Every structure is written in C-alpha cells, then in structure tokens.
Protein backbone atom coordinates (compact mmCIF):
# COMPACT_ATOMS: atom_id res chain seq x y z
CA MET A 1 -32.54 -23.50 -10.77
CA THR A 2 -32.71 -25.47 -7.22
CA ASN A 3 -29.66 -28.16 -7.14
CA PRO A 4 -29.30 -28.78 -3.68
CA THR A 5 -26.21 -29.26 -4.43
CA LEU A 6 -25.21 -25.95 -6.57
CA ARG A 7 -27.03 -23.82 -3.64
CA ALA A 8 -24.16 -26.15 -1.44
CA ILE A 9 -21.08 -24.71 -2.97
CA GLY A 10 -22.37 -21.03 -3.41
CA TRP A 11 -25.20 -20.84 -5.82
CA ASN A 12 -27.13 -18.10 -4.89
CA PRO A 13 -29.92 -15.60 -6.19
CA PHE A 14 -27.13 -13.23 -7.39
CA PHE A 15 -25.89 -15.35 -9.72
CA GLU A 16 -29.20 -16.82 -10.73
CA LYS A 17 -30.74 -13.95 -11.96
CA GLN A 18 -27.54 -13.55 -14.40
CA LEU A 19 -29.10 -16.54 -16.04
CA ALA A 20 -32.63 -15.29 -16.31
CA PRO A 21 -31.78 -14.35 -20.78
CA ILE A 22 -30.18 -18.00 -20.94
CA ASP A 23 -32.44 -21.33 -22.06
CA VAL A 24 -31.34 -23.45 -18.09
CA GLN A 25 -31.94 -26.76 -20.63
CA SER A 26 -29.05 -26.02 -22.56
CA VAL A 27 -26.56 -25.47 -20.89
CA ILE A 28 -24.76 -26.53 -17.85
CA VAL A 29 -23.42 -24.65 -14.08
CA ALA A 30 -20.89 -25.04 -12.97
CA ARG A 31 -17.72 -23.42 -10.95
CA VAL A 32 -13.98 -23.74 -11.21
CA SER A 33 -12.64 -25.91 -9.25
CA ALA A 34 -8.82 -25.95 -9.79
CA HIS A 35 -6.65 -25.58 -12.47
CA HIS A 36 -3.91 -28.07 -14.23
CA GLY A 37 -1.56 -27.62 -16.84
CA SER A 38 -4.45 -28.08 -20.01
CA GLN A 39 -7.55 -28.52 -18.14
CA VAL A 40 -9.65 -26.60 -15.71
CA VAL A 41 -11.56 -29.01 -12.92
CA LEU A 42 -15.07 -27.48 -12.18
CA TYR A 43 -17.53 -28.48 -10.20
CA GLY A 44 -21.13 -29.22 -11.14
CA GLU A 45 -25.13 -30.24 -10.25
CA THR A 46 -23.43 -33.96 -11.06
CA GLY A 47 -20.59 -33.61 -9.37
CA GLU A 48 -16.81 -33.06 -10.75
CA PHE A 49 -15.42 -32.87 -14.01
CA ARG A 50 -12.95 -31.87 -16.21
CA VAL A 51 -12.96 -29.19 -19.13
CA PRO A 52 -9.70 -28.60 -21.43
CA VAL A 53 -8.51 -24.70 -20.33
CA GLN A 54 -9.50 -23.62 -23.70
CA SER A 55 -12.89 -24.28 -23.75
CA ALA A 56 -13.30 -23.16 -19.63
CA MET A 57 -11.50 -19.57 -20.62
CA ALA A 58 -13.68 -19.45 -24.11
CA ALA A 59 -15.81 -16.84 -22.08
CA GLY A 60 -12.66 -15.44 -21.11
CA ALA A 61 -10.20 -15.24 -18.18
CA ILE A 62 -11.12 -17.47 -15.22
CA ALA A 63 -10.21 -17.57 -10.89
CA ILE A 64 -10.53 -20.66 -8.74
CA GLY A 65 -14.44 -19.30 -7.30
CA ASP A 66 -15.06 -18.33 -10.82
CA TRP A 67 -19.01 -18.79 -11.41
CA LEU A 68 -19.11 -20.76 -15.88
CA VAL A 69 -21.66 -21.15 -18.34
CA LEU A 70 -20.98 -23.99 -20.65
CA ASN A 71 -22.55 -24.92 -23.52
CA ALA A 72 -24.10 -28.69 -22.91
CA THR A 73 -22.98 -30.30 -26.14
CA ASP A 74 -19.68 -30.00 -25.57
CA ASN A 75 -19.11 -28.54 -21.88
CA ARG A 76 -18.04 -24.72 -23.83
CA ALA A 77 -18.14 -21.70 -21.65
CA VAL A 78 -20.65 -19.22 -23.02
CA GLN A 79 -20.43 -17.09 -20.15
CA ARG A 80 -18.55 -16.76 -17.18
CA LEU A 81 -21.26 -14.93 -14.72
CA GLU A 82 -20.55 -11.62 -13.39
CA ARG A 83 -18.05 -11.73 -9.81
CA LYS A 84 -19.52 -11.05 -6.60
CA THR A 85 -16.68 -10.45 -4.70
CA LEU A 86 -12.93 -10.67 -6.26
CA LEU A 87 -9.71 -11.09 -3.74
CA THR A 88 -6.53 -9.71 -5.81
CA ARG A 89 -2.79 -8.50 -4.84
CA LYS A 90 -0.58 -6.99 -7.64
CA ALA A 91 1.36 -9.24 -8.95
CA ALA A 92 4.78 -9.77 -7.64
CA GLY A 93 7.76 -8.18 -9.71
CA GLU A 94 8.25 -4.60 -10.78
CA GLU A 95 6.02 -4.86 -13.18
CA ALA A 96 2.51 -3.91 -11.62
CA LYS A 97 0.03 -6.08 -12.91
CA PRO A 98 -3.03 -7.14 -11.25
CA GLN A 99 -3.35 -10.61 -9.67
CA ILE A 100 -6.42 -12.66 -9.58
CA LEU A 101 -6.36 -15.30 -5.61
CA VAL A 102 -9.91 -15.63 -5.20
CA ALA A 103 -14.06 -14.88 -6.54
CA ASN A 104 -16.76 -14.98 -4.66
CA VAL A 105 -15.68 -15.50 -1.13
CA ASP A 106 -17.71 -14.72 0.87
CA THR A 107 -15.52 -14.71 4.20
CA VAL A 108 -11.68 -14.81 4.33
CA PHE A 109 -9.82 -16.57 7.17
CA ILE A 110 -6.80 -14.18 7.57
CA VAL A 111 -4.24 -16.50 9.62
CA SER A 112 -1.90 -15.57 11.69
CA SER A 113 0.04 -18.36 14.01
CA CYS A 114 0.81 -16.97 17.54
CA ASN A 115 4.93 -17.00 17.37
CA GLU A 116 6.95 -14.64 15.39
CA ASP A 117 4.91 -14.70 11.98
CA PHE A 118 1.94 -12.14 14.57
CA ASN A 119 2.41 -8.98 12.02
CA ARG A 120 -0.47 -5.62 12.90
CA SER A 121 0.56 -4.59 9.84
CA ARG A 122 0.92 -7.05 7.45
CA ILE A 123 -2.25 -8.35 8.89
CA GLU A 124 -3.51 -4.53 8.14
CA ARG A 125 -2.30 -5.29 4.49
CA TYR A 126 -4.57 -8.75 4.33
CA LEU A 127 -7.57 -7.06 6.46
CA ALA A 128 -7.09 -3.62 3.43
CA MET A 129 -7.82 -5.92 0.35
CA THR A 130 -10.61 -8.03 2.55
CA LEU A 131 -12.61 -5.26 2.60
CA GLN A 132 -11.58 -3.45 -0.92
CA ALA A 133 -12.87 -6.87 -2.24
CA GLY A 134 -16.43 -7.12 -0.67
CA ALA A 135 -15.76 -10.08 1.99
CA THR A 136 -15.85 -10.52 5.60
CA PRO A 137 -12.07 -11.11 7.56
CA VAL A 138 -12.17 -13.52 10.24
CA VAL A 139 -8.47 -13.22 11.90
CA VAL A 140 -7.15 -16.87 13.12
CA LEU A 141 -4.32 -17.08 15.27
CA THR A 142 -3.06 -20.92 15.06
CA LYS A 143 -0.15 -22.41 16.96
CA ALA A 144 -1.93 -20.98 19.94
CA ASP A 145 0.84 -23.15 21.92
CA LEU A 146 3.29 -21.27 20.75
CA SER A 147 2.38 -17.51 22.78
CA ASP A 148 2.46 -17.60 26.79
CA GLU A 149 -0.38 -15.30 26.12
CA PRO A 150 -2.43 -15.87 23.12
CA ALA A 151 -5.48 -14.05 24.71
CA ALA A 152 -3.01 -10.41 24.12
CA LEU A 153 -2.29 -11.83 20.22
CA VAL A 154 -6.39 -12.45 20.18
CA HIS A 155 -6.36 -8.02 21.89
CA GLN A 156 -4.50 -6.76 19.60
CA ALA A 157 -5.80 -8.10 16.74
CA ARG A 158 -9.51 -6.87 17.41
CA GLN A 159 -8.22 -3.54 17.77
CA LEU A 160 -7.55 -3.23 13.92
CA HIS A 161 -11.00 -2.74 13.12
CA PRO A 162 -14.72 -2.24 14.70
CA GLY A 163 -16.10 -5.66 14.95
CA LEU A 164 -13.31 -7.55 13.83
CA SER A 165 -13.46 -11.32 14.43
CA VAL A 166 -10.22 -12.73 16.16
CA GLU A 167 -10.41 -16.77 17.06
CA VAL A 168 -7.22 -18.59 18.27
CA MET A 169 -6.74 -22.14 18.38
CA ASP A 170 -4.41 -25.38 18.33
CA ALA A 171 -5.53 -26.56 14.62
CA ARG A 172 -4.38 -29.84 15.27
CA ARG A 173 -6.17 -29.97 16.90
CA PRO A 174 -9.45 -30.91 15.36
CA GLU A 175 -12.37 -29.81 17.69
CA GLN A 176 -11.41 -26.27 18.38
CA ALA A 177 -11.84 -25.73 15.29
CA THR A 178 -15.90 -25.74 15.77
CA VAL A 179 -15.43 -22.19 16.57
CA LEU A 180 -15.09 -21.33 12.62
CA ARG A 181 -17.78 -23.62 11.09
CA SER A 182 -20.30 -20.65 11.49
CA TRP A 183 -18.11 -19.34 8.03
CA CYS A 184 -18.34 -22.71 6.39
CA GLY A 185 -21.65 -23.85 6.05
CA ALA A 186 -24.10 -24.65 3.30
CA GLY A 187 -24.26 -22.38 0.51
CA GLN A 188 -21.25 -20.33 2.20
CA SER A 189 -17.44 -19.27 0.26
CA VAL A 190 -14.24 -19.12 2.27
CA ALA A 191 -10.68 -19.31 1.55
CA LEU A 192 -7.72 -18.79 3.14
CA LEU A 193 -5.03 -15.88 3.60
CA GLY A 194 -2.04 -15.61 4.91
CA SER A 195 2.01 -16.62 5.17
CA SER A 196 3.74 -19.63 4.55
CA GLY A 197 4.20 -21.86 7.81
CA VAL A 198 1.17 -20.28 9.59
CA GLY A 199 -0.95 -23.65 9.42
CA LYS A 200 -2.84 -22.28 6.32
CA SER A 201 -3.67 -26.52 5.04
CA THR A 202 -3.37 -27.54 9.23
CA LEU A 203 -6.54 -25.48 9.39
CA ALA A 204 -8.16 -26.81 5.77
CA ASN A 205 -7.60 -29.99 7.35
CA ALA A 206 -9.38 -29.77 10.40
CA LEU A 207 -12.49 -28.08 8.91
CA GLY A 208 -12.24 -30.87 7.33
CA ALA A 209 -10.82 -30.14 3.70
CA GLY A 210 -8.89 -33.68 3.31
CA GLU A 211 -6.05 -34.59 3.81
CA LEU A 212 -3.66 -31.51 2.32
CA ALA A 213 0.46 -31.48 2.72
CA THR A 214 1.43 -30.00 5.69
CA GLY A 215 5.26 -28.84 6.82
CA GLY A 216 6.70 -26.71 10.13
CA ILE A 217 8.42 -24.16 10.26
CA ARG A 218 12.28 -22.70 10.44
CA GLU A 219 13.31 -22.72 13.78
CA LYS A 220 16.04 -20.03 13.35
CA ASP A 221 13.10 -17.47 11.94
CA GLY A 222 9.87 -18.84 12.81
CA LYS A 223 8.98 -18.56 9.45
CA GLY A 224 7.53 -21.32 7.47
CA ARG A 225 7.73 -23.52 4.34
CA HIS A 226 5.51 -23.73 1.64
CA THR A 227 3.18 -26.56 1.60
CA THR A 228 0.59 -25.41 -0.59
CA SER A 229 1.48 -24.78 -4.65
CA SER A 230 -1.93 -24.03 -6.04
CA ARG A 231 -5.11 -22.66 -5.55
CA SER A 232 -7.75 -25.51 -5.73
CA LEU A 233 -11.47 -25.65 -4.10
CA HIS A 234 -12.83 -28.06 -1.46
CA LEU A 235 -15.46 -28.89 -0.46
CA LEU A 236 -16.73 -28.84 3.38
CA PRO A 237 -17.79 -31.87 5.25
CA THR A 238 -20.36 -28.90 7.04
CA GLY A 239 -21.87 -28.02 3.39
CA GLY A 240 -19.78 -25.06 2.42
CA VAL A 241 -16.01 -24.55 0.08
CA LEU A 242 -13.27 -24.07 0.53
CA VAL A 243 -10.32 -22.46 -1.22
CA ASP A 244 -6.45 -23.32 0.15
CA ASN A 245 -4.13 -20.44 -0.82
CA PRO A 246 -0.57 -20.65 -1.52
CA GLY A 247 1.94 -18.64 1.00
CA VAL A 248 2.27 -15.04 -0.09
CA ARG A 249 5.65 -13.63 1.35
CA GLU A 250 5.06 -10.73 -1.32
CA PHE A 251 2.21 -9.27 -1.72
CA GLN A 252 1.05 -5.60 -2.80
CA LEU A 253 -1.97 -4.18 -2.70
CA PRO A 254 -3.30 -3.35 -5.89
CA ASP A 255 -5.98 -0.66 -6.93
CA CYS A 256 -7.24 -0.60 -3.33
CA GLU A 257 -8.13 2.91 -1.71
CA ASP A 258 -11.95 2.16 -0.29
CA GLY A 259 -10.50 -1.25 1.13
CA VAL A 260 -7.37 0.95 3.25
CA THR A 261 -10.01 4.09 4.23
CA ASP A 262 -12.67 1.84 6.08
CA LEU A 263 -9.75 -0.63 7.65
CA PHE A 264 -8.04 3.27 9.01
CA GLU A 265 -11.31 5.20 8.78
CA ASP A 266 -9.94 6.76 12.51
CA VAL A 267 -6.91 7.14 11.03
CA VAL A 268 -8.32 9.55 7.89
CA ARG A 269 -11.07 11.05 10.75
CA ILE A 270 -8.25 12.98 12.05
CA VAL A 271 -6.11 13.05 9.30
CA PHE A 272 -9.10 15.97 8.09
CA GLU A 273 -8.90 16.81 11.53
CA CYS A 274 -5.84 18.70 10.26
CA LYS A 275 -5.64 22.39 9.73
CA PHE A 276 -4.22 22.52 6.16
CA SER A 277 -5.00 19.86 4.16
CA ASN A 278 -1.47 19.15 2.65
CA CYS A 279 0.23 18.58 6.51
CA GLY A 280 3.00 16.58 6.00
CA HIS A 281 1.75 15.32 9.80
CA ASP A 282 5.00 15.24 11.10
CA GLY A 283 5.56 18.07 13.18
CA GLU A 284 3.66 20.70 11.99
CA PRO A 285 2.08 23.09 14.47
CA GLY A 286 -2.17 21.99 14.82
CA CYS A 287 -1.33 19.00 13.19
CA ALA A 288 -3.85 16.74 15.00
CA VAL A 289 -1.96 13.74 13.76
CA GLN A 290 1.01 14.70 16.26
CA ALA A 291 -1.40 15.78 18.82
CA ALA A 292 -3.39 12.77 18.75
CA ILE A 293 -0.07 10.50 18.51
CA GLU A 294 1.27 12.47 21.32
CA SER A 295 -1.88 12.14 23.81
CA GLY A 296 -2.25 7.97 23.18
CA GLU A 297 -5.61 8.46 20.73
CA LEU A 298 -4.04 7.17 17.93
CA GLY A 299 -0.31 4.31 17.43
CA GLU A 300 2.33 5.53 16.01
CA ARG A 301 2.95 2.09 14.08
CA ARG A 302 -0.52 2.50 12.92
CA PHE A 303 -0.70 5.67 11.15
CA ALA A 304 3.24 4.13 9.61
CA ASN A 305 1.14 1.41 8.35
CA PHE A 306 -2.00 3.61 6.95
CA GLN A 307 0.84 5.98 5.04
CA LYS A 308 2.63 3.06 3.66
CA LEU A 309 -0.94 1.03 2.80
CA ASP A 310 -2.12 4.51 1.10
CA GLU A 311 1.07 5.50 -0.84
CA GLU A 312 1.75 1.58 -1.57
CA GLN A 313 -2.34 0.97 -3.23
CA SER A 314 -1.55 5.29 -4.57
CA ARG A 315 0.76 4.49 -6.53
CA ASN A 316 0.34 0.67 -8.25
CA ALA A 317 -3.71 1.90 -9.24
CA LYS A 318 -1.77 4.51 -11.10
CA THR A 319 0.36 1.87 -12.65
CA LEU A 320 -2.38 -0.30 -13.12
CA ALA A 321 -4.22 2.37 -15.09
CA ARG A 322 -1.44 3.42 -17.62
CA ARG A 323 -0.59 -0.31 -18.32
CA ARG A 324 -4.37 -0.97 -18.94
CA GLU A 325 -4.55 3.00 -20.99
CA ARG A 326 -1.24 1.09 -22.81
CA GLU A 327 -3.37 -1.74 -23.40
CA ALA A 328 -6.49 -0.33 -24.40
CA THR A 329 -4.46 2.16 -26.98
CA ARG A 330 -2.61 -1.35 -28.88
CA ALA A 331 -5.75 -3.36 -29.15
CA ASN A 332 -7.07 -0.18 -30.19
CA LYS A 333 -4.55 0.12 -32.98
CA ALA A 334 -4.75 -3.55 -33.73
CA ALA A 335 -8.49 -3.00 -34.52
CA ILE A 336 -7.42 -0.20 -36.81
CA ALA A 337 -5.16 -2.37 -38.80
CA LYS A 338 -7.28 -4.57 -38.64
CA GLU A 339 -9.95 -3.22 -40.67
CA ARG A 340 -7.93 -1.53 -43.05
CA ARG A 341 -6.32 -5.44 -44.16
CA ARG A 342 -10.65 -5.76 -45.03
C-alpha cells in the first residue's frame, strides 16, 4: 500500500508485510485514534471515521495506536495487526492486571517539570517501561522558568541511561518545542508520559496537536491536576502523530525484566562482581556493590531504586503469570463443558 496518508501516520514495512495474504482491494486499513464509549474513532486513508466498538474489537482487544484491517463492506475488523511496540503498566489497584497505554509508538517523551515534580527515581520507572517496549525514550523537562538551575537537572537526567536525549524548555513558548520536531516527522509516532500537571497538554499544544485543555499546579506541593482524561491520537503539522496520555499517580511496572536490566546495566554489572551469588549487598565482606557505593562509582539512590523496581516487576510478573494460568484453566474447562453439551 502506497497511500501517503497512511505512511504519514506510521504505516511502514513492518505492518505492510502482514497484509501479504490479504486481498487489499476488499479491506480498509485504519489506525485506532480514540475510544469514546460505544464508538471507536479510526483514521484511514480517507481521513477520520467512527465504527461501533463491537466492530472494532471483532478481531480482539484494541489500544490507541493499533492498526486494524476492516472488511470494506461493513467496517468490521477482521485482523488486528501485530504490534511493533507496546507500552504497558500494571493496572491501578490490588489485583495485578496489565493495562495497555498505547501501541506502535516509536518515541516516548517522558515529561517532568523543573519543580518539585523532578524525581530521578520516577523518571527511571518510566524509562524502564519504555525500554521494555522497544521505543526510544526522550526526557523532556518543562517549566524551565521554575528552576534557577535547569542545566543541573538536565545533567542529572542524562546520567540515568547512556545516550539518553534530554531537552529542557518552557512549553508555553511554542518556538522552544522545535527541538523535539526531529522525533515528530512524517511516519513517526510519539507518546507523552508523565505525572499530572507537568505540562504534557501544553507541550502537545506547542507541537501542534490542537487546543488541548491545560491546567495549573497546586502551590502547596507543586503537584498537578488532571487535564487529559483519556488517550487520543493527534495529527501533527510536522507530519507525525502524537498520543497524549492522562497523568498517572500510581505507576507500577508489569513484567519488565529486560527494561530494568537495560536501564540499570551499570548496576547489574557490579552486582555480578560480588563474591557470593546470594549476597544481600548490605555490609557483607567482599560485597562489590557496597565497595562501589563507598568509592562513589555507584550512587546509593540509584542502587536502591534498582532493587525496588526489580523486585516490583518480578513480583508483578509472577502474579500476572498466575493470573494467565487461571484464565487459561477456566477457558479450557469452559471449552470441555461446551464440547460435552454437544
């Protein structure tokens, strides 16, 4: 398919090859743009259109950013294409369930503001998830006017992962958003991720996503108010698409071992240097981790956050695995019962 409209919103050879066995003359290819109650908004080669949620989900559960193949006669999905990237977190609450944030994005702008919201451990949490998904992380520090030393915050953020891109700006000044446009060109898909009130919607507006509602922050603690209430895909004047995510207050990692290992490669290397495989890294003789902390090679905060995130993702991974096993058992029993009734 050579339609320039589809190419502009992220269509590429990864998805193209999945159409090989399909008669493209009898189907419509479209990308999930938004989900509004009983209807799903799609964007295809002729522009935006809506279908009933039952039609959109006829080929399986969907997420913002998914590519669907629809029957041209009734707009009913016959296939959800394999996802190139998938940003997932553990759903809020006690029960461990995965929650998909967005599919098929190339870059994630991890947004933090230059006030009390700036938190390296929180940024590391977002980085681990982005790396796990296979997307490129870019840290965007907004509200530069609220810090006396924004350059110092940029330096701290860049130390979190080798080669990490970090940009700082006042998103209320659209001209400053030009530093991000190399990630927002035709065919590129970008998602915004960050806490409430850090300036995500203001940044989206500066990038040309349209007039999204924006809000301020509380003076007492610098925390923000939710302005974006649902995920949605927006066309950008630079040719790409952007997904604005609601701010998150609770953000736990799902099964994320590869992302944590990638992010904390320096910590993992030091851990492997310990004399004993079961070392608790808490004062044992010959502990390479404690030696690295004492020498300044490894920061105590970074090691503590590595332990926290690794334990969290491991615990949630086991819980999610047990949940999948229970669901598979129930499905199998239901299938057997159905067969017996025949």
